[in-house]
């Protein structure tokens, strides 16, 4: 299945947060699914060491919208809010706690802010086009 393959690949590369409307009926308290598809997905989550952070219903009485992560403390302050517009799903708000840093790019780019545009215009004005 595509989503399970994507999750396994992403988890092999480091910390991840995956969120969305998964539309699977899973009892998170007892860690079991309604059917084979749900049980298969739970197995994928266990194999990938994923945690599901949404504990409140997001559509009627079901928790269909999930926030998954594979690192302790990566997702913080999660709350389910009311629906946005005419949606029948509640919004889920949370923080992703990641360290940020500056990555040095190997790509060289010109700094156009330092260009001598007056000089270029003057030189181009001398040409008989």
Protein backbone atom coordinates (compact mmCIF):
# COMPACT_ATOMS: atom_id res chain seq x y z
CA UNK A 1 0.00 0.00 0.00
CA UNK A 2 1.30 3.49 -0.89
CA UNK A 3 0.92 5.25 2.46
CA UNK A 4 2.55 2.42 4.39
CA UNK A 5 5.48 2.33 1.95
CA UNK A 6 5.83 6.13 2.26
CA UNK A 7 5.80 5.94 6.07
CA UNK A 8 8.42 3.20 6.19
CA UNK A 9 10.72 5.09 3.81
CA UNK A 10 10.32 8.39 5.68
CA UNK A 11 10.97 6.78 9.07
CA UNK A 12 14.24 5.35 7.79
CA UNK A 13 15.47 8.88 7.04
CA UNK A 14 14.97 10.43 10.49
CA UNK A 15 12.33 12.29 12.43
CA UNK A 16 8.93 12.67 10.76
CA UNK A 17 5.51 14.14 11.40
CA UNK A 18 2.70 12.87 9.18
CA UNK A 19 -0.80 14.26 9.48
CA UNK A 20 -4.08 13.94 7.68
CA UNK A 21 -7.48 12.35 7.35
CA UNK A 22 -6.66 8.64 7.34
CA UNK A 23 -10.31 7.49 7.38
CA UNK A 24 -9.50 4.32 9.31
CA UNK A 25 -11.49 3.19 12.34
CA UNK A 26 -8.96 2.44 15.10
CA UNK A 27 -9.56 2.14 18.81
CA UNK A 28 -6.45 3.93 20.08
CA UNK A 29 -7.04 3.03 23.73
CA UNK A 30 -6.98 -0.72 23.03
CA UNK A 31 -4.73 -0.46 19.95
CA UNK A 32 -6.96 -2.47 17.62
CA UNK A 33 -8.66 -1.82 14.32
CA UNK A 34 -12.15 -2.48 13.03
CA UNK A 35 -10.93 -4.63 10.14
CA UNK A 36 -7.93 -6.07 8.32
CA UNK A 37 -6.94 -2.75 6.73
CA UNK A 38 -6.84 -1.03 10.12
CA UNK A 39 -4.91 -3.90 11.73
CA UNK A 40 -2.40 -3.82 8.84
CA UNK A 41 -1.93 -0.08 9.31
CA UNK A 42 -1.44 -0.50 13.08
CA UNK A 43 1.25 -3.09 12.37
CA UNK A 44 2.99 -0.63 10.02
CA UNK A 45 2.86 2.02 12.76
CA UNK A 46 4.33 -0.35 15.34
CA UNK A 47 7.08 -1.44 12.94
CA UNK A 48 7.91 2.23 12.26
CA UNK A 49 7.73 3.23 15.96
CA UNK A 50 5.03 5.83 15.23
CA UNK A 51 2.89 7.49 17.86
CA UNK A 52 -0.59 8.85 17.13
CA UNK A 53 -1.17 12.09 19.07
CA UNK A 54 -4.84 13.00 18.48
CA UNK A 55 -6.92 11.77 21.42
CA UNK A 56 -10.21 13.56 20.71
CA UNK A 57 -12.83 12.86 18.03
CA UNK A 58 -12.26 14.86 14.86
CA UNK A 59 -15.39 13.84 12.95
CA UNK A 60 -18.56 13.12 14.91
CA UNK A 61 -17.46 10.51 17.49
CA UNK A 62 -14.53 9.15 15.43
CA UNK A 63 -10.86 10.13 15.47
CA UNK A 64 -10.14 10.02 11.73
CA UNK A 65 -7.63 12.87 11.54
CA UNK A 66 -4.29 11.87 12.96
CA UNK A 67 -0.90 13.38 13.74
CA UNK A 68 1.80 10.70 13.66
CA UNK A 69 5.43 11.09 14.71
CA UNK A 70 8.37 8.82 15.35
CA UNK A 71 10.21 10.83 18.02
CA UNK A 72 9.35 11.61 21.63
CA UNK A 73 8.51 15.29 22.17
CA UNK A 74 8.32 16.10 18.46
CA UNK A 75 4.61 17.03 18.62
CA UNK A 76 3.47 19.36 21.39
CA UNK A 77 0.35 21.22 22.59
CA UNK A 78 -2.11 19.38 20.36
CA UNK A 79 -5.77 20.43 20.55
CA UNK A 80 -8.78 19.69 18.36
CA UNK A 81 -10.71 22.85 17.53
CA UNK A 82 -14.08 23.29 15.84
CA UNK A 83 -14.52 22.81 12.11
CA UNK A 84 -13.25 25.35 9.59
CA UNK A 85 -16.00 26.67 7.34
CA UNK A 86 -18.43 23.94 6.29
CA UNK A 87 -16.07 21.04 6.94
CA UNK A 88 -17.43 18.10 8.89
CA UNK A 89 -13.98 17.53 10.46
CA UNK A 90 -12.52 19.45 13.39
CA UNK A 91 -9.26 21.31 12.93
CA UNK A 92 -6.22 19.95 14.73
CA UNK A 93 -3.68 22.47 16.02
CA UNK A 94 -0.22 21.52 17.30
CA UNK A 95 3.42 22.55 17.43
CA UNK A 96 6.30 20.66 15.85
CA UNK A 97 9.32 20.94 18.14
CA UNK A 98 12.36 20.83 15.87
CA UNK A 99 15.74 22.41 16.10
CA UNK A 100 16.41 24.72 13.24
CA UNK A 101 19.72 25.57 11.74
CA UNK A 102 21.23 27.16 8.71
CA UNK A 103 22.23 24.76 6.01
CA UNK A 104 25.06 25.87 3.77
CA UNK A 105 24.09 25.65 0.13
CA UNK A 106 26.63 24.62 -2.47
CA UNK A 107 24.67 26.49 -5.14
CA UNK A 108 26.24 29.80 -6.13
CA UNK A 109 23.86 32.65 -6.88
CA UNK A 110 24.49 36.23 -7.91
CA UNK A 111 23.67 39.01 -5.46
CA UNK A 112 21.66 41.32 -7.71
CA UNK A 113 21.36 43.91 -4.95
CA UNK A 114 25.03 44.78 -5.47
CA UNK A 115 24.71 45.28 -9.23
CA UNK A 116 25.73 48.59 -10.82
CA UNK A 117 22.49 49.07 -12.73
CA UNK A 118 23.13 52.75 -13.51
CA UNK A 119 26.47 51.81 -15.06
CA UNK A 120 24.84 49.01 -17.07
CA UNK A 121 22.09 51.35 -18.31
CA UNK A 122 24.70 53.94 -19.27
CA UNK A 123 26.74 51.37 -21.23
CA UNK A 124 23.64 49.93 -22.90
CA UNK A 125 22.45 53.42 -23.87
CA UNK A 126 25.65 53.88 -25.91
CA UNK A 127 24.80 50.93 -28.18
CA UNK A 128 23.02 51.64 -31.45
CA UNK A 129 20.35 48.95 -31.29
